[in-house]
N, C-alpha and C. Protein backbone atom coordinates (compact mmCIF):
# COMPACT_ATOMS: atom_id res chain seq x y z
N MET A 1 112.00 104.30 161.09
CA MET A 1 111.33 103.20 161.52
C MET A 1 110.46 103.29 162.39
N ARG A 2 108.84 101.82 161.50
CA ARG A 2 108.32 102.12 162.60
C ARG A 2 108.06 101.39 163.63
N LEU A 3 107.66 101.91 164.48
CA LEU A 3 107.60 101.37 165.65
C LEU A 3 106.17 101.02 166.57
N GLY A 4 106.14 99.59 166.98
CA GLY A 4 104.91 99.44 167.69
C GLY A 4 105.04 100.04 168.99
N ILE A 5 103.84 99.99 169.54
CA ILE A 5 103.73 99.98 170.69
C ILE A 5 102.65 99.35 171.40
N PHE A 6 102.84 98.56 172.53
CA PHE A 6 101.32 97.78 172.80
C PHE A 6 101.61 97.63 174.41
N GLY A 7 100.23 98.23 174.82
CA GLY A 7 100.47 98.53 176.37
C GLY A 7 99.29 97.78 177.20
N GLY A 8 99.52 97.39 177.96
CA GLY A 8 98.61 96.41 179.16
C GLY A 8 99.17 95.81 180.05
N THR A 9 98.70 95.58 181.26
CA THR A 9 98.79 94.96 182.80
C THR A 9 99.77 93.95 182.01
N PHE A 10 98.92 92.72 180.89
CA PHE A 10 99.86 91.65 180.83
C PHE A 10 99.63 90.65 182.39
N ASP A 11 98.69 90.65 182.14
CA ASP A 11 98.21 89.76 184.00
C ASP A 11 97.50 88.51 184.25
N PRO A 12 98.09 87.30 183.35
CA PRO A 12 99.31 87.29 182.55
C PRO A 12 99.53 87.58 181.24
N VAL A 13 100.82 88.08 180.59
CA VAL A 13 100.80 87.56 179.27
C VAL A 13 100.38 86.34 178.54
N HIS A 14 99.47 86.41 177.90
CA HIS A 14 99.20 85.46 176.41
C HIS A 14 98.85 85.95 174.99
N TYR A 15 99.01 84.38 174.67
CA TYR A 15 98.55 84.24 173.48
C TYR A 15 97.82 85.21 172.19
N GLY A 16 96.70 85.64 172.98
CA GLY A 16 95.88 86.76 172.68
C GLY A 16 96.55 88.09 172.39
N HIS A 17 97.58 88.51 173.50
CA HIS A 17 98.59 89.57 173.03
C HIS A 17 99.58 89.22 172.06
N ILE A 18 100.70 88.16 172.30
CA ILE A 18 101.32 87.54 171.05
C ILE A 18 101.19 87.75 169.53
N ARG A 19 99.82 87.19 169.57
CA ARG A 19 99.78 86.41 168.07
C ARG A 19 98.97 87.71 167.36
N PRO A 20 98.03 89.03 167.81
CA PRO A 20 98.17 89.78 166.57
C PRO A 20 99.17 91.03 166.96
N VAL A 21 100.72 90.66 168.00
CA VAL A 21 101.53 91.20 167.79
C VAL A 21 102.27 90.58 166.44
N GLU A 22 102.27 89.60 166.46
CA GLU A 22 102.47 89.08 165.43
C GLU A 22 102.29 89.52 163.85
N ALA A 23 100.63 89.60 163.76
CA ALA A 23 100.12 90.14 162.50
C ALA A 23 100.45 91.24 162.36
N ALA A 24 100.16 92.09 163.46
CA ALA A 24 100.43 93.74 163.18
C ALA A 24 102.11 93.95 162.64
N ALA A 25 103.07 93.16 162.90
CA ALA A 25 104.33 93.84 162.99
C ALA A 25 104.68 93.33 161.13
N THR A 26 104.18 91.89 160.69
CA THR A 26 104.17 91.48 159.79
C THR A 26 103.48 92.59 158.76
N LYS A 27 101.69 92.71 158.48
CA LYS A 27 101.70 93.34 158.23
C LYS A 27 101.79 95.08 158.05
N PHE A 28 102.22 95.83 158.59
CA PHE A 28 102.44 96.64 159.13
C PHE A 28 104.06 96.81 158.98
N GLN A 29 104.82 96.12 158.41
CA GLN A 29 106.39 95.72 158.75
C GLN A 29 106.73 96.68 159.87
N LEU A 30 106.20 96.66 161.08
CA LEU A 30 106.91 97.19 162.08
C LEU A 30 108.22 97.01 162.53
N GLY A 31 109.73 97.59 162.10
CA GLY A 31 110.84 97.41 162.93
C GLY A 31 111.28 97.18 163.93
N ARG A 32 110.28 97.55 164.78
CA ARG A 32 110.53 96.89 166.25
C ARG A 32 109.17 97.19 166.94
N VAL A 33 108.94 96.29 168.28
CA VAL A 33 107.71 96.56 168.77
C VAL A 33 107.80 96.83 170.24
N LEU A 34 107.77 97.83 170.87
CA LEU A 34 108.10 97.71 172.68
C LEU A 34 106.43 97.49 173.07
N PHE A 35 106.64 96.47 174.64
CA PHE A 35 105.46 95.95 174.96
C PHE A 35 105.87 97.05 176.21
N VAL A 36 104.30 97.51 176.71
CA VAL A 36 104.59 98.38 177.70
C VAL A 36 103.66 98.13 178.61
N PRO A 37 103.97 96.89 179.91
CA PRO A 37 102.91 96.90 181.33
C PRO A 37 103.05 97.91 182.38
N ALA A 38 101.42 98.68 182.36
CA ALA A 38 101.01 99.44 183.13
C ALA A 38 100.99 98.99 184.73
N ARG A 39 101.49 100.06 185.13
CA ARG A 39 101.76 99.85 186.43
C ARG A 39 99.63 99.90 187.14
N ILE A 40 99.07 100.38 186.75
CA ILE A 40 98.22 100.70 187.41
C ILE A 40 96.78 101.01 185.94
N SER A 41 95.92 100.65 185.33
CA SER A 41 95.32 101.20 184.51
C SER A 41 94.03 102.15 184.42
N PRO A 42 94.42 103.21 184.20
CA PRO A 42 92.98 104.14 184.55
C PRO A 42 92.02 103.32 184.01
N HIS A 43 91.68 102.64 183.33
CA HIS A 43 90.57 102.03 182.55
C HIS A 43 90.09 100.51 183.96
N LYS A 44 91.68 100.23 185.26
CA LYS A 44 90.76 99.20 185.83
C LYS A 44 91.59 99.39 186.85
N GLU A 45 90.85 100.81 187.51
CA GLU A 45 91.52 100.67 188.80
C GLU A 45 90.64 100.38 189.85
N SER A 46 89.57 99.49 189.85
CA SER A 46 88.76 99.11 190.57
C SER A 46 89.83 97.46 191.03
N THR A 47 90.68 97.23 190.19
CA THR A 47 91.49 95.66 189.64
C THR A 47 92.97 96.46 190.54
N HIS A 48 93.44 95.67 191.29
CA HIS A 48 95.07 95.58 191.76
C HIS A 48 95.42 94.22 190.90
N PRO A 49 96.06 94.40 189.63
CA PRO A 49 97.05 93.52 189.59
C PRO A 49 98.62 92.67 189.94
N THR A 50 98.55 91.72 189.37
CA THR A 50 99.95 91.21 190.36
C THR A 50 101.05 91.75 190.66
N ASP A 51 102.02 91.68 191.14
CA ASP A 51 102.82 92.30 191.22
C ASP A 51 103.86 92.43 190.19
N ALA A 52 104.47 94.29 189.75
CA ALA A 52 104.91 94.14 188.27
C ALA A 52 106.07 93.54 188.21
N ARG A 53 106.78 92.72 189.05
CA ARG A 53 108.08 92.50 188.98
C ARG A 53 107.53 90.95 188.24
N HIS A 54 106.12 90.57 188.46
CA HIS A 54 105.92 89.07 187.84
C HIS A 54 105.67 89.58 186.61
N ARG A 55 104.77 90.35 186.47
CA ARG A 55 104.27 90.69 185.01
C ARG A 55 105.65 90.77 184.00
N VAL A 56 106.61 91.19 184.96
CA VAL A 56 107.56 91.76 183.45
C VAL A 56 108.55 90.47 183.35
N ALA A 57 108.25 89.57 184.26
CA ALA A 57 109.21 88.49 184.66
C ALA A 57 108.24 87.65 183.30
N MET A 58 107.04 87.50 183.35
CA MET A 58 106.06 87.01 182.09
C MET A 58 106.74 86.87 181.17
N LEU A 59 106.41 88.20 181.07
CA LEU A 59 106.80 89.26 179.55
C LEU A 59 108.16 88.54 178.87
N ALA A 60 109.15 88.77 179.98
CA ALA A 60 110.45 88.58 179.42
C ALA A 60 110.18 87.03 178.56
N LEU A 61 109.78 86.44 179.48
CA LEU A 61 109.85 84.36 178.89
C LEU A 61 108.94 84.73 177.60
N ALA A 62 107.91 85.24 177.61
CA ALA A 62 107.42 85.21 176.49
C ALA A 62 107.75 85.92 175.36
N LEU A 63 108.60 86.73 175.30
CA LEU A 63 109.20 87.48 174.57
C LEU A 63 110.65 87.03 174.10
N GLN A 64 111.08 86.09 174.64
CA GLN A 64 112.51 85.45 174.36
C GLN A 64 112.50 85.05 173.58
N GLY A 65 113.90 85.39 172.81
CA GLY A 65 114.16 84.73 170.96
C GLY A 65 113.81 85.75 170.01
N ARG A 66 113.10 86.74 170.88
CA ARG A 66 112.31 87.60 169.26
C ARG A 66 113.58 88.66 169.71
N ASP A 67 114.13 88.86 169.15
CA ASP A 67 115.10 90.45 168.99
C ASP A 67 114.68 91.70 168.67
N ASP A 68 113.45 91.47 168.12
CA ASP A 68 113.01 93.01 168.09
C ASP A 68 111.95 93.46 168.44
N TRP A 69 111.97 92.57 169.72
CA TRP A 69 110.37 92.84 170.43
C TRP A 69 110.77 93.18 172.19
N SER A 70 110.86 94.27 172.53
CA SER A 70 111.63 94.60 174.03
C SER A 70 110.10 95.48 174.81
N ILE A 71 110.55 95.35 176.09
CA ILE A 71 109.62 96.03 177.45
C ILE A 71 110.16 96.79 177.69
N ASP A 72 109.36 97.94 177.10
CA ASP A 72 109.94 99.58 177.80
C ASP A 72 109.10 99.80 179.70
N LEU A 73 109.57 99.88 180.26
CA LEU A 73 109.14 100.51 181.56
C LEU A 73 108.71 101.62 181.92
N GLU A 74 108.49 102.64 180.76
CA GLU A 74 107.97 103.85 180.89
C GLU A 74 107.17 103.70 182.00
N GLU A 75 105.93 103.14 181.90
CA GLU A 75 105.15 103.36 182.53
C GLU A 75 105.04 102.53 184.51
N LEU A 76 105.97 101.60 184.55
CA LEU A 76 106.20 101.41 185.65
C LEU A 76 106.98 102.77 186.61
N ASP A 77 107.99 103.20 185.83
CA ASP A 77 108.50 103.98 185.82
C ASP A 77 107.64 105.32 186.97
N ARG A 78 106.73 105.17 186.86
CA ARG A 78 105.64 106.59 186.51
C ARG A 78 105.05 106.14 187.27
N GLU A 79 104.66 107.43 188.10
CA GLU A 79 103.57 107.34 188.94
C GLU A 79 102.11 107.01 188.41
N PRO A 80 100.93 106.25 189.05
CA PRO A 80 100.10 105.97 188.64
C PRO A 80 98.90 107.19 188.78
N PRO A 81 98.09 107.46 187.86
CA PRO A 81 97.59 105.61 186.64
C PRO A 81 98.03 105.81 185.76
N SER A 82 97.96 105.10 184.55
CA SER A 82 99.61 105.14 183.20
C SER A 82 98.80 105.48 182.09
N TYR A 83 98.85 107.05 181.78
CA TYR A 83 97.72 107.59 180.52
C TYR A 83 98.82 107.68 179.52
N THR A 84 97.62 106.71 178.24
CA THR A 84 99.14 106.35 177.51
C THR A 84 99.51 107.92 176.54
N VAL A 85 98.64 108.48 176.66
CA VAL A 85 99.21 109.91 175.78
C VAL A 85 100.52 110.21 176.59
N ASP A 86 100.56 110.22 177.73
CA ASP A 86 101.91 110.52 178.38
C ASP A 86 103.51 109.76 178.11
N THR A 87 102.60 108.27 177.84
CA THR A 87 103.41 107.06 177.46
C THR A 87 103.79 107.79 176.00
N LEU A 88 103.59 108.35 174.74
CA LEU A 88 104.00 108.05 174.02
C LEU A 88 104.49 109.25 173.61
N ARG A 89 104.34 110.31 174.62
CA ARG A 89 104.99 111.71 174.41
C ARG A 89 106.58 111.59 174.85
N ALA A 90 106.38 110.37 175.96
CA ALA A 90 107.82 110.31 176.51
C ALA A 90 109.06 108.94 175.15
N ILE A 91 107.89 108.35 174.79
CA ILE A 91 108.75 107.28 173.68
C ILE A 91 109.11 108.04 172.12
N HIS A 92 107.96 109.02 172.43
CA HIS A 92 108.54 109.96 171.22
C HIS A 92 109.46 110.84 171.50
N ALA A 93 109.76 111.15 172.99
CA ALA A 93 110.56 112.31 173.02
C ALA A 93 112.22 111.07 172.89
N ARG A 94 111.96 109.91 172.95
CA ARG A 94 113.17 109.21 172.99
C ARG A 94 113.37 109.20 171.60
N ARG A 95 112.30 108.98 170.98
CA ARG A 95 113.15 107.98 169.38
C ARG A 95 112.26 108.90 168.58
N PRO A 96 112.41 110.30 168.22
CA PRO A 96 112.11 111.52 167.23
C PRO A 96 111.69 110.82 165.94
N GLU A 97 112.79 109.69 165.59
CA GLU A 97 113.22 109.87 164.27
C GLU A 97 111.86 108.63 163.76
N ASP A 98 111.45 107.98 164.80
CA ASP A 98 110.47 107.22 164.77
C ASP A 98 109.08 107.01 164.11
N GLU A 99 108.42 106.33 163.80
CA GLU A 99 107.14 106.53 163.36
C GLU A 99 106.09 105.91 164.34
N LEU A 100 105.39 106.29 165.24
CA LEU A 100 104.91 105.41 166.58
C LEU A 100 103.85 104.92 165.78
N TRP A 101 103.52 103.69 166.10
CA TRP A 101 102.02 102.71 165.57
C TRP A 101 101.30 102.03 167.03
N LEU A 102 100.35 102.70 167.58
CA LEU A 102 99.67 101.74 168.59
C LEU A 102 99.02 100.38 168.59
N LEU A 103 99.10 99.95 169.16
CA LEU A 103 98.38 98.44 168.74
C LEU A 103 97.67 98.00 169.68
N MET A 104 96.16 98.26 169.33
CA MET A 104 95.21 97.44 170.31
C MET A 104 93.95 96.61 169.53
N GLY A 105 93.16 96.08 170.81
CA GLY A 105 92.10 95.08 169.83
C GLY A 105 91.04 96.21 169.99
N THR A 106 90.46 95.91 169.54
CA THR A 106 88.56 96.82 168.63
C THR A 106 87.60 96.85 169.68
N ASP A 107 88.19 96.03 170.61
CA ASP A 107 87.53 96.36 172.22
C ASP A 107 88.19 97.62 172.95
N VAL A 108 89.27 97.92 172.55
CA VAL A 108 90.14 99.01 173.43
C VAL A 108 89.35 100.41 172.67
N LEU A 109 89.27 100.12 171.09
CA LEU A 109 89.49 101.10 170.09
C LEU A 109 88.26 101.65 170.28
N ALA A 110 87.18 101.21 170.99
CA ALA A 110 85.79 101.34 171.42
C ALA A 110 85.54 102.47 172.26
N GLY A 111 86.45 101.98 173.22
CA GLY A 111 86.50 103.45 174.24
C GLY A 111 87.51 104.37 174.03
N LEU A 112 88.50 104.39 173.09
CA LEU A 112 89.02 105.85 172.74
C LEU A 112 88.21 106.71 173.02
N GLY A 113 87.24 107.02 172.94
CA GLY A 113 86.95 108.65 172.90
C GLY A 113 86.90 108.93 174.43
N ARG A 114 87.25 108.58 175.21
CA ARG A 114 86.89 108.42 176.42
C ARG A 114 88.21 108.48 177.50
N TRP A 115 89.63 108.29 176.57
CA TRP A 115 90.76 108.25 176.93
C TRP A 115 91.22 110.01 176.95
N ARG A 116 92.68 109.53 177.72
CA ARG A 116 92.84 111.65 178.18
C ARG A 116 93.04 111.65 176.74
N GLU A 117 93.35 112.93 176.39
CA GLU A 117 93.88 113.39 174.82
C GLU A 117 93.91 112.09 173.74
N PRO A 118 92.78 111.80 173.31
CA PRO A 118 92.46 111.17 172.66
C PRO A 118 93.31 111.68 170.56
N GLU A 119 92.43 113.10 170.91
CA GLU A 119 93.35 113.40 169.43
C GLU A 119 94.70 113.63 169.80
N GLU A 120 95.18 114.12 170.37
CA GLU A 120 96.30 114.03 170.67
C GLU A 120 97.28 112.85 170.62
N ILE A 121 96.74 111.94 171.04
CA ILE A 121 96.88 110.60 170.38
C ILE A 121 97.11 109.88 169.08
N LEU A 122 96.11 110.12 168.75
CA LEU A 122 96.04 110.27 166.92
C LEU A 122 97.01 111.14 166.58
N ARG A 123 97.68 112.35 166.83
CA ARG A 123 98.36 113.02 166.43
C ARG A 123 99.76 112.68 166.56
N ILE A 124 100.53 111.73 167.37
CA ILE A 124 101.59 111.13 168.05
C ILE A 124 101.70 110.39 167.39
N ALA A 125 101.12 109.07 166.92
CA ALA A 125 101.02 108.10 166.83
C ALA A 125 99.73 107.38 165.67
N ARG A 126 99.91 107.14 164.94
CA ARG A 126 99.13 105.63 163.77
C ARG A 126 97.94 104.55 164.92
N VAL A 127 97.11 104.02 164.52
CA VAL A 127 96.30 103.79 165.63
C VAL A 127 96.37 101.98 164.77
N ALA A 128 96.50 100.83 165.31
CA ALA A 128 96.40 99.98 164.63
C ALA A 128 95.66 99.03 165.33
N ALA A 129 94.21 98.45 164.80
CA ALA A 129 93.25 97.68 165.91
C ALA A 129 92.82 96.75 164.65
N PHE A 130 93.27 95.41 166.06
CA PHE A 130 92.82 93.85 165.84
C PHE A 130 91.37 93.50 166.04
N HIS A 131 90.91 92.95 165.18
CA HIS A 131 89.54 92.10 165.62
C HIS A 131 89.65 91.80 166.83
N ARG A 132 89.03 92.12 168.05
CA ARG A 132 88.86 91.60 168.92
C ARG A 132 87.64 91.58 169.57
N GLU A 133 86.79 90.00 170.15
CA GLU A 133 85.60 89.85 170.18
C GLU A 133 85.22 90.54 171.34
N PRO A 134 83.82 91.36 171.59
CA PRO A 134 82.84 91.23 170.89
C PRO A 134 82.76 92.19 169.22
N TYR A 135 83.83 93.02 169.41
CA TYR A 135 83.91 93.98 168.40
C TYR A 135 85.07 93.77 167.40
N ALA A 136 84.07 92.50 166.62
CA ALA A 136 84.48 92.42 165.79
C ALA A 136 83.50 92.50 163.78
N GLY A 137 84.28 92.57 162.48
CA GLY A 137 83.32 92.14 161.62
C GLY A 137 82.39 93.58 161.92
N ASP A 138 81.74 93.33 161.47
CA ASP A 138 80.92 94.25 161.41
C ASP A 138 79.88 95.13 162.21
N ARG A 139 80.84 94.18 163.58
CA ARG A 139 80.44 95.19 164.95
C ARG A 139 81.79 95.56 165.60
N VAL A 140 82.04 96.31 164.62
CA VAL A 140 83.32 96.95 165.17
C VAL A 140 83.02 98.49 165.48
N VAL A 141 83.46 99.11 166.56
CA VAL A 141 82.90 100.56 166.98
C VAL A 141 84.12 101.48 166.89
N VAL A 142 84.11 102.54 165.50
CA VAL A 142 85.24 103.53 165.39
C VAL A 142 84.73 104.70 166.64
N PRO A 143 85.35 104.96 166.85
CA PRO A 143 84.99 106.23 168.30
C PRO A 143 84.70 107.58 167.07
N ASP A 144 84.33 108.64 167.78
CA ASP A 144 84.15 109.64 166.97
C ASP A 144 85.34 110.57 167.61
N VAL A 145 86.02 111.09 167.24
CA VAL A 145 88.04 111.19 167.65
C VAL A 145 87.99 111.79 166.57
N VAL A 146 88.54 113.32 166.55
CA VAL A 146 88.96 113.71 165.20
C VAL A 146 90.73 113.25 164.94
N GLY A 147 90.57 113.07 163.27
CA GLY A 147 91.85 112.22 162.80
C GLY A 147 91.60 110.53 163.19
N VAL A 148 90.34 110.35 163.59
CA VAL A 148 90.55 108.87 163.57
C VAL A 148 90.29 107.59 162.29
N ARG A 149 89.46 108.94 161.23
CA ARG A 149 89.43 107.80 159.83
C ARG A 149 90.87 108.15 159.64
N ASP A 150 91.44 109.08 159.15
CA ASP A 150 93.48 109.29 158.69
C ASP A 150 94.06 108.57 159.67
N ARG A 151 93.91 108.30 161.04
CA ARG A 151 95.37 108.06 161.66
C ARG A 151 94.74 105.94 161.90
N CYS A 152 93.81 105.81 161.86
CA CYS A 152 93.57 104.43 162.58
C CYS A 152 92.96 103.11 161.72
N VAL A 153 93.60 102.08 161.53
CA VAL A 153 93.09 101.08 160.42
C VAL A 153 92.56 99.99 161.36
N VAL A 154 92.12 99.30 160.90
CA VAL A 154 91.43 98.49 161.33
C VAL A 154 92.01 97.31 160.74
N PHE A 155 92.11 95.84 161.32
CA PHE A 155 92.94 94.54 160.45
C PHE A 155 92.18 93.21 161.17
N ASP A 156 91.87 92.63 160.50
CA ASP A 156 91.90 91.17 161.11
C ASP A 156 92.83 90.40 161.55
N ALA A 157 92.99 89.90 163.03
CA ALA A 157 94.29 89.27 163.15
C ALA A 157 94.63 87.73 163.29
N GLY A 158 92.68 87.34 163.04
CA GLY A 158 91.98 86.08 163.27
C GLY A 158 91.60 86.51 164.91
N SER A 159 90.99 84.80 164.52
CA SER A 159 89.93 85.05 166.09
C SER A 159 90.80 85.33 167.15
N VAL A 160 90.75 86.17 168.22
CA VAL A 160 91.02 86.76 168.87
C VAL A 160 89.91 86.19 170.55
N ARG A 161 89.74 85.59 171.06
CA ARG A 161 89.33 84.90 172.33
C ARG A 161 89.57 84.69 173.07
N ILE A 162 91.34 84.45 173.47
CA ILE A 162 91.42 84.47 174.88
C ILE A 162 91.91 85.87 175.54
N THR A 163 91.18 85.59 176.91
CA THR A 163 91.71 86.84 177.91
C THR A 163 92.19 86.16 179.14
N ALA A 164 92.63 87.19 179.48
CA ALA A 164 93.38 87.14 180.68
C ALA A 164 92.88 87.10 182.30
N THR A 165 91.73 87.90 182.20
CA THR A 165 90.63 87.14 183.30
C THR A 165 90.29 86.00 183.18
N GLU A 166 89.79 85.18 182.23
CA GLU A 166 89.45 83.56 181.91
C GLU A 166 90.62 83.04 182.08
N ILE A 167 92.20 82.92 181.87
CA ILE A 167 93.25 82.26 182.23
C ILE A 167 93.41 82.85 184.14
N ARG A 168 93.05 83.50 185.19
CA ARG A 168 93.19 83.78 186.38
C ARG A 168 92.50 82.98 186.87
N ASN A 169 91.30 83.51 186.09
CA ASN A 169 89.80 82.25 186.76
C ASN A 169 90.49 80.80 186.56
N ASP A 170 90.85 80.23 185.46
CA ASP A 170 91.00 78.58 185.56
C ASP A 170 91.98 78.18 186.20
N LEU A 171 93.24 79.16 186.15
CA LEU A 171 94.14 78.97 187.21
C LEU A 171 93.78 78.60 188.88
N ALA A 172 92.78 79.57 189.04
CA ALA A 172 92.46 79.78 190.46
C ALA A 172 91.80 78.71 190.88
N LEU A 173 91.15 77.51 189.48
CA LEU A 173 90.56 76.73 189.65
C LEU A 173 90.99 74.78 189.54
N GLY A 174 92.58 75.55 189.57
CA GLY A 174 93.23 74.05 189.01
C GLY A 174 93.23 73.76 187.66
N ARG A 175 92.53 74.94 186.66
CA ARG A 175 92.52 73.66 185.32
C ARG A 175 93.84 74.23 184.41
N PRO A 176 93.79 73.59 183.31
CA PRO A 176 95.05 73.95 182.52
C PRO A 176 95.09 75.28 181.67
N VAL A 177 96.40 75.42 181.22
CA VAL A 177 95.74 76.72 180.46
C VAL A 177 96.56 76.93 179.25
N GLY A 178 96.95 75.23 179.35
CA GLY A 178 98.10 74.72 177.71
C GLY A 178 97.51 75.49 176.43
N GLY A 179 97.99 76.04 175.28
CA GLY A 179 97.62 76.36 174.40
C GLY A 179 97.28 78.17 174.59
N ARG A 180 97.32 78.64 175.84
CA ARG A 180 96.34 79.84 176.17
C ARG A 180 97.91 80.58 176.31
N VAL A 181 98.84 80.43 177.04
CA VAL A 181 99.63 80.91 177.28
C VAL A 181 101.46 80.73 176.77
N PRO A 182 102.55 80.69 176.63
CA PRO A 182 103.45 80.25 176.15
C PRO A 182 104.13 79.44 177.20
N GLY A 183 104.42 78.27 177.20
CA GLY A 183 105.11 77.36 177.60
C GLY A 183 105.32 78.21 179.20
N PRO A 184 106.90 78.72 178.76
CA PRO A 184 107.78 78.82 179.65
C PRO A 184 106.92 80.09 180.87
N VAL A 185 106.07 80.85 180.35
CA VAL A 185 104.89 81.46 181.51
C VAL A 185 104.22 80.56 182.33
N ALA A 186 103.65 79.48 181.55
CA ALA A 186 102.89 78.57 182.56
C ALA A 186 103.77 77.77 183.73
N GLU A 187 104.96 77.43 182.97
CA GLU A 187 105.84 76.78 184.19
C GLU A 187 106.00 78.09 185.47
N TYR A 188 106.39 79.34 184.89
CA TYR A 188 106.17 80.73 186.05
C TYR A 188 105.62 80.70 186.52
N VAL A 189 104.42 80.81 185.95
CA VAL A 189 103.34 81.31 186.70
C VAL A 189 102.76 79.61 188.05
N THR A 190 103.24 78.16 187.77
CA THR A 190 103.20 77.67 188.66
C THR A 190 104.25 77.75 189.55
N LYS A 191 105.29 77.80 189.58
CA LYS A 191 106.37 77.90 190.35
C LYS A 191 106.13 79.23 191.41
N GLN A 192 105.95 79.90 190.15
CA GLN A 192 105.51 80.89 191.80
C GLN A 192 104.33 81.11 192.42
N GLY A 193 103.42 80.29 191.98
CA GLY A 193 102.48 80.07 192.76
C GLY A 193 101.49 81.64 192.85
N LEU A 194 101.31 82.06 191.56
CA LEU A 194 100.28 82.84 190.67
C LEU A 194 98.87 82.16 191.01
N TYR A 195 98.04 83.26 190.90
CA TYR A 195 96.75 82.86 190.60
C TYR A 195 96.00 82.23 191.42
N ARG A 196 97.02 81.55 192.32
CA ARG A 196 95.76 80.28 193.22
C ARG A 196 95.03 81.35 194.43
N PRO A 197 93.99 80.48 194.76
CA PRO A 197 92.83 81.28 195.84
C PRO A 197 93.69 81.85 197.16
N GLY A 198 93.68 82.66 197.47
CA GLY A 198 94.47 83.32 198.61
C GLY A 198 95.76 83.79 198.25
N ALA A 199 96.11 83.88 197.18
CA ALA A 199 97.36 83.99 197.04
C ALA A 199 98.10 85.61 196.74
N THR A 200 98.79 86.52 197.61
CA THR A 200 98.69 87.79 197.32
C THR A 200 99.41 88.51 196.38
N GLN A 201 100.24 87.51 195.47
CA GLN A 201 100.47 87.66 194.09
C GLN A 201 101.57 89.03 194.26
N SER A 202 102.43 89.26 195.15
CA SER A 202 103.34 90.21 195.86
C SER A 202 104.63 89.23 195.65
């Protein structure tokens, strides 16, 4: 089975995460997709994400009703930071019969060469990178990593302009975020008082 793997802080999860995964699942015939929330991303060590229990709860709300999508707590159960190569090794060890497909935006793909053991990442998994501004169209940057030309596919999942940073900023200012996050997620954010000025997010 083809297994999609999509990691991130998901702080909060939004349609900029959901819609590209929907497109990838259809285009590459993925039998299942694992969403892997990071405890602390090595690329965002200067920031502190919202407590993991809130991020996992929001993910669960966003994925409800999708039996072929699930949350994998591999990175939350491991000491930080969250290195993708370690996650892929662990998933491959658990599911050696599956063909792993690592999903990411082209903005992330551009920096793949700076990740820990990028060649090993490409050995374990194929990469499916969806267009994401500003790395879209003829501005897509494919890193100079051994194996990337054979193991990476770039595809258009439609315009993805939603960012978690913008959503958090708008919520802090009391602005609506409807249409950018699933309804149950928006309700959870309001109920828990997340992203308000002075909120501890714990």
